[in-house]
Amino acid sequence: MPKLPGVNHLRAEKALEKAGFHIDRQSKHIFMSKGSVHVVVPRNNPVDAYTMGAIVRDAGMSIEQFRELI
């Protein structure tokens, strides 16, 4: 069982905004940045666990830190 189950893309977006990311642009994906760190969240419901884990890792957070923001 993955540590991070699938997450709604809107919840993921809000959690990343709480972590200091802002939206650069939106299309089929949500492009967010925080300084020189960039992440891309697909607009899937839910975003699968492996993709969400990679997004969290790219954002420089641990799974536990991300869970606290959700």
C-alpha atoms as a PDB file:
ATOM      1  CA  MET A   1       0.000   0.000   0.000  1.00  0.00           C
ATOM      2  CA  PRO A   2       1.474   3.400  -0.977  1.00  0.00           C
ATOM      3  CA  LYS A   3       2.144   5.921   1.761  1.00  0.00           C
ATOM      4  CA  LEU A   4       0.174   8.574  -0.089  1.00  0.00           C
ATOM      5  CA  PRO A   5      -3.184   7.567  -1.575  1.00  0.00           C
ATOM      6  CA  GLY A   6      -4.575   9.303  -4.640  1.00  0.00           C
ATOM      7  CA  VAL A   7      -5.322  12.977  -4.025  1.00  0.00           C
ATOM      8  CA  ASN A   8      -7.793  15.289  -5.734  1.00  0.00           C
ATOM      9  CA  HIS A   9      -5.847  17.791  -7.844  1.00  0.00           C
ATOM     10  CA  LEU A  10      -7.581  20.749  -6.179  1.00  0.00           C
ATOM     11  CA  ARG A  11      -6.539  19.545  -2.711  1.00  0.00           C
ATOM     12  CA  ALA A  12      -2.979  19.067  -3.964  1.00  0.00           C
ATOM     13  CA  GLU A  13      -2.995  22.587  -5.416  1.00  0.00           C
ATOM     14  CA  LYS A  14      -4.201  24.109  -2.131  1.00  0.00           C
ATOM     15  CA  ALA A  15      -1.611  22.150  -0.121  1.00  0.00           C
ATOM     16  CA  LEU A  16       1.201  23.338  -2.381  1.00  0.00           C
ATOM     17  CA  GLU A  17      -0.050  26.925  -2.093  1.00  0.00           C
ATOM     18  CA  LYS A  18       0.113  26.582   1.716  1.00  0.00           C
ATOM     19  CA  ALA A  19       3.727  25.446   1.265  1.00  0.00           C
ATOM     20  CA  GLY A  20       4.531  28.698  -0.570  1.00  0.00           C
ATOM     21  CA  PHE A  21       4.048  27.687  -4.215  1.00  0.00           C
ATOM     22  CA  HIS A  22       2.083  29.889  -6.589  1.00  0.00           C
ATOM     23  CA  ILE A  23       0.359  29.090  -9.869  1.00  0.00           C
ATOM     24  CA  ASP A  24       2.288  30.133 -12.962  1.00  0.00           C
ATOM     25  CA  ARG A  25      -0.252  28.910 -15.501  1.00  0.00           C
ATOM     26  CA  GLN A  26      -3.003  26.352 -16.007  1.00  0.00           C
ATOM     27  CA  SER A  27      -4.115  24.159 -18.862  1.00  0.00           C
ATOM     28  CA  LYS A  28      -4.487  20.376 -18.711  1.00  0.00           C
ATOM     29  CA  HIS A  29      -1.890  20.635 -15.950  1.00  0.00           C
ATOM     30  CA  ILE A  30      -1.279  23.156 -13.167  1.00  0.00           C
ATOM     31  CA  PHE A  31       2.225  24.630 -13.341  1.00  0.00           C
ATOM     32  CA  MET A  32       3.410  25.916  -9.959  1.00  0.00           C
ATOM     33  CA  SER A  33       6.676  27.376  -8.714  1.00  0.00           C
ATOM     34  CA  LYS A  34       8.413  28.499  -5.553  1.00  0.00           C
ATOM     35  CA  GLY A  35      11.613  30.325  -6.391  1.00  0.00           C
ATOM     36  CA  SER A  36      13.598  28.027  -8.661  1.00  0.00           C
ATOM     37  CA  VAL A  37      11.541  24.917  -7.774  1.00  0.00           C
ATOM     38  CA  HIS A  38       8.869  23.997 -10.322  1.00  0.00           C
ATOM     39  CA  VAL A  39       6.189  21.305 -10.078  1.00  0.00           C
ATOM     40  CA  VAL A  40       3.438  20.208 -12.442  1.00  0.00           C
ATOM     41  CA  VAL A  41       0.142  18.816 -11.114  1.00  0.00           C
ATOM     42  CA  PRO A  42      -2.075  16.998 -13.632  1.00  0.00           C
ATOM     43  CA  ARG A  43      -5.789  17.724 -13.506  1.00  0.00           C
ATOM     44  CA  ASN A  44      -6.734  14.119 -12.785  1.00  0.00           C
ATOM     45  CA  ASN A  45      -9.132  13.082 -10.078  1.00  0.00           C
ATOM     46  CA  PRO A  46      -7.535  11.548  -8.235  1.00  0.00           C
ATOM     47  CA  VAL A  47      -3.878  12.103  -9.038  1.00  0.00           C
ATOM     48  CA  ASP A  48      -2.477   8.593  -8.543  1.00  0.00           C
ATOM     49  CA  ALA A  49      -0.234   7.814  -5.582  1.00  0.00           C
ATOM     50  CA  TYR A  50       3.007   7.372  -7.530  1.00  0.00           C
ATOM     51  CA  THR A  51       2.591  10.629  -9.465  1.00  0.00           C
ATOM     52  CA  MET A  52       1.652  12.504  -6.289  1.00  0.00           C
ATOM     53  CA  GLY A  53       4.689  11.060  -4.512  1.00  0.00           C
ATOM     54  CA  ALA A  54       6.943  12.308  -7.309  1.00  0.00           C
ATOM     55  CA  ILE A  55       5.361  15.783  -7.179  1.00  0.00           C
ATOM     56  CA  VAL A  56       5.892  15.960  -3.409  1.00  0.00           C
ATOM     57  CA  ARG A  57       9.516  14.819  -3.786  1.00  0.00           C
ATOM     58  CA  ASP A  58      10.121  17.395  -6.560  1.00  0.00           C
ATOM     59  CA  ALA A  59       8.636  20.079  -4.275  1.00  0.00           C
ATOM     60  CA  GLY A  60      11.292  19.245  -1.681  1.00  0.00           C
ATOM     61  CA  MET A  61       8.847  17.960   0.931  1.00  0.00           C
ATOM     62  CA  SER A  62       8.362  14.658   2.687  1.00  0.00           C
ATOM     63  CA  ILE A  63       5.105  12.707   2.471  1.00  0.00           C
ATOM     64  CA  GLU A  64       4.419  13.545   6.146  1.00  0.00           C
ATOM     65  CA  GLN A  65       4.864  17.284   5.523  1.00  0.00           C
ATOM     66  CA  PHE A  66       2.491  17.123   2.569  1.00  0.00           C
ATOM     67  CA  ARG A  67      -0.106  15.177   4.570  1.00  0.00           C
ATOM     68  CA  GLU A  68      -0.095  17.910   7.232  1.00  0.00           C
ATOM     69  CA  LEU A  69      -0.919  20.511   4.563  1.00  0.00           C
ATOM     70  CA  ILE A  70      -3.839  18.550   3.119  1.00  0.00           C
END
